[in-house]
Amino acid sequence: MLSGFHHVCVKTRDWDRTLRFYRDTLGCTVKIAWRAAPERAVMLDTGGGNYIEVFEDLSYTPARDGAILHLALRTAKLDEVADRVRTFGATITMEPKDITIATTNGAGEIPIRIFFCTGPNGEVIEFFQNTLT
């Protein structure tokens, strides 16, 4: 039925800062863009056929915790990404660290390296590095 993850959508009141973060800081590329200011939209390619969709909405007020707990972006260079996020000025809410997930389905222990930050629109972003999932 399903063939994988396609995109996560965020709204923004600050179009330029949002693109600086996702495009310039994290290296996403513009796949498609549509509509004009003040209601622009863009699909940013994160790699592997996965996207972050951004809608401009000047009246948008972020929900405290929203319906989406976080979006997770895979990387093979987690510490380098953390440095770029710091340079951008985003708040890192959990510093990079190694964690082992003790699975309950017989898959064994899964070592990962993660960190979390707050994106330019209040979105919670997890950066995830591992080789087993």
Protein backbone atom coordinates (compact mmCIF):
# COMPACT_ATOMS: atom_id res chain seq x y z
CA MET A 1 0.00 0.00 0.00
CA LEU A 2 2.54 2.60 1.11
CA SER A 3 5.87 3.18 -0.55
CA GLY A 4 7.66 5.28 2.08
CA PHE A 5 7.88 8.73 3.59
CA HIS A 6 7.32 11.67 1.20
CA HIS A 7 7.33 14.95 3.16
CA VAL A 8 6.72 16.87 6.35
CA CYS A 9 5.06 20.27 6.03
CA VAL A 10 5.80 23.38 8.10
CA LYS A 11 4.29 26.85 7.98
CA THR A 12 6.38 29.98 8.33
CA ARG A 13 5.95 33.69 8.91
CA ASP A 14 9.64 34.25 8.07
CA TRP A 15 10.20 32.87 4.57
CA ASP A 16 13.79 34.07 4.16
CA ARG A 17 15.02 32.72 7.52
CA THR A 18 13.29 29.38 6.91
CA LEU A 19 14.99 28.98 3.51
CA ARG A 20 18.35 30.06 4.95
CA PHE A 21 18.01 27.30 7.55
CA TYR A 22 16.79 24.40 5.40
CA ARG A 23 18.45 25.31 2.09
CA ASP A 24 21.62 27.18 3.02
CA THR A 25 22.45 25.67 6.45
CA LEU A 26 21.24 22.09 6.02
CA GLY A 27 21.83 21.78 2.25
CA CYS A 28 18.30 20.95 1.08
CA THR A 29 17.61 21.82 -2.54
CA VAL A 30 14.49 23.34 -4.07
CA LYS A 31 12.60 20.63 -5.97
CA ILE A 32 9.54 22.72 -6.86
CA ALA A 33 8.20 26.11 -5.83
CA TRP A 34 4.74 27.56 -6.41
CA ARG A 35 2.58 30.58 -5.65
CA ALA A 36 3.86 34.08 -4.90
CA ALA A 37 4.46 36.11 -1.73
CA PRO A 38 2.83 36.36 0.71
CA GLU A 39 1.58 32.80 0.16
CA ARG A 40 4.66 31.10 -1.34
CA ALA A 41 5.24 27.38 -1.14
CA VAL A 42 8.27 25.18 -1.78
CA MET A 43 9.19 21.51 -1.68
CA LEU A 44 12.75 21.11 -0.39
CA ASP A 45 14.58 17.90 -1.22
CA THR A 46 16.33 16.36 1.82
CA GLY A 47 17.70 13.47 -0.25
CA GLY A 48 16.44 10.00 -1.04
CA GLY A 49 13.08 11.23 -2.32
CA ASN A 50 12.11 12.82 1.01
CA TYR A 51 11.00 16.43 1.32
CA ILE A 52 10.21 19.29 3.66
CA GLU A 53 7.32 21.33 2.34
CA VAL A 54 7.11 24.96 3.46
CA PHE A 55 4.04 27.21 3.26
CA GLU A 56 4.30 30.93 3.87
CA ASP A 57 1.52 32.23 6.14
CA LEU A 58 2.04 35.68 7.62
CA SER A 59 -0.71 35.12 10.20
CA TYR A 60 0.65 31.76 11.39
CA THR A 61 1.23 31.30 15.12
CA PRO A 62 2.97 28.03 16.01
CA ALA A 63 1.13 25.68 18.33
CA ARG A 64 2.86 25.00 21.65
CA ASP A 65 3.70 21.38 20.82
CA GLY A 66 1.59 20.84 17.71
CA ALA A 67 0.37 17.56 16.31
CA ILE A 68 3.77 16.50 14.96
CA LEU A 69 6.17 15.69 17.79
CA HIS A 70 9.25 16.19 15.60
CA LEU A 71 10.70 15.55 12.19
CA ALA A 72 13.83 13.45 11.94
CA LEU A 73 16.48 14.04 9.29
CA ARG A 74 19.06 11.35 8.55
CA THR A 75 22.70 12.37 8.23
CA ALA A 76 26.07 10.65 7.96
CA LYS A 77 27.81 13.75 9.40
CA LEU A 78 25.87 14.52 12.56
CA ASP A 79 28.52 16.58 14.36
CA GLU A 80 29.18 18.67 11.25
CA VAL A 81 25.45 19.36 10.94
CA ALA A 82 25.32 20.35 14.63
CA ASP A 83 28.11 22.88 14.03
CA ARG A 84 26.23 24.35 11.06
CA VAL A 85 23.01 24.58 13.10
CA ARG A 86 24.89 26.38 15.91
CA THR A 87 26.45 28.80 13.40
CA PHE A 88 22.99 29.52 12.00
CA GLY A 89 21.86 30.47 15.53
CA ALA A 90 19.22 27.77 16.04
CA THR A 91 18.75 26.48 19.57
CA ILE A 92 20.12 23.00 20.16
CA THR A 93 17.80 21.42 22.72
CA MET A 94 19.79 18.19 23.07
CA GLU A 95 23.47 18.14 22.29
CA PRO A 96 24.82 15.37 20.04
CA LYS A 97 25.09 12.11 21.91
CA ASP A 98 25.32 8.38 21.41
CA ILE A 99 22.34 6.26 22.43
CA THR A 100 21.66 2.55 22.20
CA ILE A 101 18.05 1.59 21.53
CA ALA A 102 17.26 -1.65 23.33
CA THR A 103 14.66 -3.15 21.00
CA THR A 104 11.74 -5.29 22.13
CA ASN A 105 11.12 -7.06 18.81
CA GLY A 106 14.25 -9.20 18.68
CA ALA A 107 16.22 -6.79 16.47
CA GLY A 108 18.96 -6.47 19.08
CA GLU A 109 20.57 -3.28 20.27
CA ILE A 110 20.67 -0.39 17.77
CA PRO A 111 23.43 2.20 18.28
CA ILE A 112 22.53 5.71 17.09
CA ARG A 113 23.89 9.24 17.39
CA ILE A 114 21.34 12.06 17.65
CA PHE A 115 20.77 15.70 18.50
CA PHE A 116 17.71 17.93 18.54
CA CYS A 117 17.20 21.59 17.68
CA THR A 118 14.37 24.04 17.28
CA GLY A 119 13.86 25.14 13.68
CA PRO A 120 13.13 28.71 12.62
CA ASN A 121 9.35 28.23 12.98
CA GLY A 122 9.29 26.41 16.31
CA GLU A 123 9.48 22.96 14.71
CA VAL A 124 11.40 20.31 16.65
CA ILE A 125 14.02 18.62 14.47
CA GLU A 126 15.92 15.45 15.33
CA PHE A 127 19.12 14.69 13.44
CA PHE A 128 19.70 10.95 13.30
CA GLN A 129 22.84 9.00 12.39
CA ASN A 130 23.11 5.23 12.26
CA THR A 131 23.70 2.38 9.86
CA LEU A 132 21.10 -0.19 10.92
CA THR A 133 17.77 1.55 10.27
